[in-house]
Amino acid sequence: AGAAADTTAEATEFFPLFYSRVPAAALHVVRLEVPREALASFGVEAADGADAGPTVVADVLVGNDGLARAIRFVNP
C-alpha cells in the first residue's frame, strides 16, 4: 500500500492542465515540488516570508498513462 497525501494541509482547488479532458482509467496523486513561479501562472498569490523558498509543494493528478490532468498547490 502506498502512502496517502497529507489531508491536513491547506491546499488550493485542483486546476485543470492541458490533458485534463483525456480519459483515464485510474488517477494517482503525486506530490512534488515545483518552481514558485508556477503559482502565478495559475493566478495564485505566493505567501511571502523569510521561509519562502524557490519551490512550492504541489499535488498533481496523473493518469495511468502518465499524463498530468490537474494540479493543486499545498501549504504543508
N, C-alpha and C. Protein backbone atom coordinates (compact mmCIF):
# COMPACT_ATOMS: atom_id res chain seq x y z
N ALA A 1 0.86 -1.19 0.00
CA ALA A 1 0.00 0.00 0.00
C ALA A 1 0.88 1.22 0.00
N GLY A 2 0.53 2.21 -0.83
CA GLY A 2 1.30 3.44 -0.92
C GLY A 2 0.87 4.44 0.13
N ALA A 3 1.69 5.44 0.36
CA ALA A 3 1.37 6.48 1.33
C ALA A 3 0.35 7.44 0.72
N ALA A 4 -0.61 7.84 1.51
CA ALA A 4 -1.64 8.79 1.04
C ALA A 4 -1.13 10.21 1.23
N ALA A 5 -1.67 11.13 0.43
CA ALA A 5 -1.32 12.54 0.56
C ALA A 5 -1.84 13.07 1.89
N ASP A 6 -1.14 14.03 2.47
CA ASP A 6 -1.50 14.63 3.74
C ASP A 6 -2.82 15.38 3.58
N THR A 7 -3.84 14.99 4.34
CA THR A 7 -5.15 15.62 4.21
C THR A 7 -5.32 16.79 5.17
N THR A 8 -4.36 17.06 6.05
CA THR A 8 -4.48 18.16 6.99
C THR A 8 -3.85 19.44 6.47
N ALA A 9 -3.17 19.39 5.36
CA ALA A 9 -2.52 20.58 4.80
C ALA A 9 -3.55 21.46 4.10
N GLU A 10 -3.28 22.76 4.06
CA GLU A 10 -4.11 23.68 3.29
C GLU A 10 -3.75 23.52 1.82
N ALA A 11 -4.76 23.56 0.96
CA ALA A 11 -4.49 23.39 -0.47
C ALA A 11 -5.49 24.21 -1.28
N THR A 12 -5.08 24.59 -2.48
CA THR A 12 -5.99 25.24 -3.42
C THR A 12 -6.88 24.18 -4.03
N GLU A 13 -7.83 24.60 -4.83
CA GLU A 13 -8.60 23.65 -5.62
C GLU A 13 -7.67 23.10 -6.72
N PHE A 14 -8.08 22.01 -7.36
CA PHE A 14 -7.29 21.50 -8.47
C PHE A 14 -7.54 22.37 -9.70
N PHE A 15 -6.46 22.73 -10.39
CA PHE A 15 -6.53 23.47 -11.64
C PHE A 15 -6.32 22.49 -12.78
N PRO A 16 -7.21 22.50 -13.79
CA PRO A 16 -7.04 21.58 -14.92
C PRO A 16 -5.79 21.92 -15.72
N LEU A 17 -5.14 20.90 -16.24
CA LEU A 17 -3.97 21.05 -17.10
C LEU A 17 -4.34 20.69 -18.53
N PHE A 18 -3.40 20.79 -19.44
CA PHE A 18 -3.62 20.59 -20.86
C PHE A 18 -4.34 19.28 -21.19
N TYR A 19 -3.99 18.19 -20.50
CA TYR A 19 -4.58 16.89 -20.80
C TYR A 19 -5.75 16.54 -19.88
N SER A 20 -6.39 17.54 -19.27
CA SER A 20 -7.44 17.28 -18.30
C SER A 20 -8.65 16.56 -18.89
N ARG A 21 -8.89 16.69 -20.19
CA ARG A 21 -10.07 16.07 -20.81
C ARG A 21 -9.77 14.70 -21.43
N VAL A 22 -8.53 14.25 -21.35
CA VAL A 22 -8.18 12.93 -21.88
C VAL A 22 -8.64 11.89 -20.85
N PRO A 23 -9.48 10.94 -21.25
CA PRO A 23 -9.97 9.93 -20.30
C PRO A 23 -8.82 9.12 -19.69
N ALA A 24 -9.02 8.72 -18.44
CA ALA A 24 -8.03 7.88 -17.75
C ALA A 24 -8.77 6.82 -16.95
N ALA A 25 -8.26 5.60 -16.99
CA ALA A 25 -8.88 4.51 -16.23
C ALA A 25 -8.64 4.67 -14.74
N ALA A 26 -7.53 5.29 -14.37
CA ALA A 26 -7.19 5.49 -12.96
C ALA A 26 -6.37 6.77 -12.84
N LEU A 27 -6.54 7.45 -11.70
CA LEU A 27 -5.76 8.65 -11.41
C LEU A 27 -4.99 8.46 -10.12
N HIS A 28 -3.81 9.01 -10.07
CA HIS A 28 -2.97 8.94 -8.88
C HIS A 28 -2.54 10.35 -8.51
N VAL A 29 -2.44 10.62 -7.21
CA VAL A 29 -1.95 11.91 -6.74
C VAL A 29 -0.46 11.77 -6.48
N VAL A 30 0.32 12.64 -7.12
CA VAL A 30 1.76 12.65 -6.95
C VAL A 30 2.13 13.99 -6.33
N ARG A 31 2.79 13.96 -5.17
CA ARG A 31 3.21 15.19 -4.50
C ARG A 31 4.65 15.48 -4.89
N LEU A 32 4.89 16.73 -5.31
CA LEU A 32 6.24 17.12 -5.71
C LEU A 32 6.44 18.60 -5.48
N GLU A 33 7.64 19.06 -5.71
CA GLU A 33 7.96 20.48 -5.59
C GLU A 33 8.08 21.07 -6.99
N VAL A 34 7.49 22.26 -7.16
CA VAL A 34 7.55 22.97 -8.44
C VAL A 34 8.10 24.36 -8.18
N PRO A 35 8.62 25.02 -9.22
CA PRO A 35 9.14 26.38 -9.03
C PRO A 35 8.04 27.31 -8.50
N ARG A 36 8.38 28.21 -7.61
CA ARG A 36 7.44 29.16 -7.02
C ARG A 36 6.70 29.96 -8.11
N GLU A 37 7.36 30.20 -9.24
CA GLU A 37 6.75 30.95 -10.34
C GLU A 37 5.50 30.26 -10.89
N ALA A 38 5.36 28.95 -10.67
CA ALA A 38 4.19 28.22 -11.17
C ALA A 38 2.90 28.75 -10.55
N LEU A 39 2.97 29.27 -9.33
CA LEU A 39 1.78 29.81 -8.68
C LEU A 39 1.15 30.92 -9.52
N ALA A 40 1.98 31.84 -9.99
CA ALA A 40 1.48 32.99 -10.76
C ALA A 40 0.80 32.55 -12.05
N SER A 41 1.28 31.49 -12.68
CA SER A 41 0.68 31.05 -13.94
C SER A 41 -0.75 30.54 -13.76
N PHE A 42 -1.14 30.23 -12.49
CA PHE A 42 -2.49 29.80 -12.20
C PHE A 42 -3.27 30.86 -11.42
N GLY A 43 -2.67 32.06 -11.28
CA GLY A 43 -3.35 33.15 -10.59
C GLY A 43 -3.37 33.03 -9.09
N VAL A 44 -2.43 32.25 -8.53
CA VAL A 44 -2.36 32.06 -7.09
C VAL A 44 -1.26 32.96 -6.54
N GLU A 45 -1.59 33.69 -5.47
CA GLU A 45 -0.60 34.57 -4.85
C GLU A 45 0.30 33.76 -3.93
N ALA A 46 1.60 33.98 -4.06
CA ALA A 46 2.56 33.29 -3.22
C ALA A 46 2.66 34.00 -1.88
N ALA A 47 2.74 33.23 -0.81
CA ALA A 47 2.94 33.80 0.51
C ALA A 47 4.39 34.23 0.62
N ASP A 48 4.60 35.49 0.89
CA ASP A 48 5.96 35.99 1.05
C ASP A 48 6.38 35.82 2.51
N GLY A 49 7.63 35.59 2.71
CA GLY A 49 8.15 35.45 4.06
C GLY A 49 9.58 34.99 4.03
N ALA A 50 10.16 34.98 5.19
CA ALA A 50 11.57 34.59 5.31
C ALA A 50 11.79 33.14 4.90
N ASP A 51 10.76 32.31 5.10
CA ASP A 51 10.91 30.88 4.78
C ASP A 51 10.44 30.54 3.37
N ALA A 52 10.10 31.54 2.57
CA ALA A 52 9.64 31.31 1.20
C ALA A 52 10.83 30.93 0.33
N GLY A 53 10.90 29.66 -0.05
CA GLY A 53 12.00 29.17 -0.87
C GLY A 53 11.70 29.27 -2.35
N PRO A 54 12.57 28.73 -3.17
CA PRO A 54 12.39 28.81 -4.62
C PRO A 54 11.34 27.84 -5.16
N THR A 55 10.87 26.91 -4.31
CA THR A 55 9.89 25.93 -4.76
C THR A 55 8.69 25.91 -3.81
N VAL A 56 7.58 25.36 -4.31
CA VAL A 56 6.37 25.14 -3.51
C VAL A 56 5.93 23.70 -3.72
N VAL A 57 5.12 23.21 -2.79
CA VAL A 57 4.63 21.83 -2.86
C VAL A 57 3.35 21.81 -3.69
N ALA A 58 3.23 20.82 -4.55
CA ALA A 58 2.05 20.67 -5.39
C ALA A 58 1.64 19.20 -5.45
N ASP A 59 0.33 18.98 -5.54
CA ASP A 59 -0.22 17.65 -5.82
C ASP A 59 -0.63 17.65 -7.28
N VAL A 60 -0.20 16.65 -8.02
CA VAL A 60 -0.52 16.54 -9.44
C VAL A 60 -1.33 15.27 -9.65
N LEU A 61 -2.48 15.38 -10.32
CA LEU A 61 -3.27 14.21 -10.68
C LEU A 61 -2.70 13.65 -11.97
N VAL A 62 -2.21 12.41 -11.91
CA VAL A 62 -1.58 11.76 -13.06
C VAL A 62 -2.36 10.51 -13.41
N GLY A 63 -2.68 10.36 -14.68
CA GLY A 63 -3.39 9.18 -15.13
C GLY A 63 -2.46 7.99 -15.25
N ASN A 64 -3.04 6.81 -15.38
CA ASN A 64 -2.23 5.59 -15.53
C ASN A 64 -1.44 5.60 -16.83
N ASP A 65 -1.74 6.56 -17.71
CA ASP A 65 -0.98 6.71 -18.96
C ASP A 65 0.20 7.68 -18.80
N GLY A 66 0.37 8.24 -17.60
CA GLY A 66 1.49 9.14 -17.34
C GLY A 66 1.22 10.60 -17.62
N LEU A 67 0.02 10.93 -18.11
CA LEU A 67 -0.31 12.32 -18.41
C LEU A 67 -0.86 13.02 -17.18
N ALA A 68 -0.35 14.23 -16.92
CA ALA A 68 -0.84 15.03 -15.80
C ALA A 68 -2.17 15.67 -16.19
N ARG A 69 -3.17 15.55 -15.32
CA ARG A 69 -4.51 16.07 -15.61
C ARG A 69 -4.81 17.36 -14.86
N ALA A 70 -4.32 17.51 -13.62
CA ALA A 70 -4.63 18.68 -12.81
C ALA A 70 -3.54 18.88 -11.77
N ILE A 71 -3.50 20.11 -11.22
CA ILE A 71 -2.52 20.44 -10.19
C ILE A 71 -3.19 21.29 -9.13
N ARG A 72 -2.78 21.09 -7.88
CA ARG A 72 -3.18 21.98 -6.79
C ARG A 72 -1.92 22.29 -5.99
N PHE A 73 -1.93 23.44 -5.35
CA PHE A 73 -0.77 23.87 -4.57
C PHE A 73 -1.09 23.68 -3.10
N VAL A 74 -0.10 23.17 -2.36
CA VAL A 74 -0.29 22.76 -0.97
C VAL A 74 0.60 23.59 -0.06
N ASN A 75 0.04 24.02 1.05
CA ASN A 75 0.81 24.68 2.09
C ASN A 75 0.91 23.69 3.24
N PRO A 76 1.99 22.91 3.28
CA PRO A 76 2.07 21.83 4.28
C PRO A 76 2.14 22.33 5.72
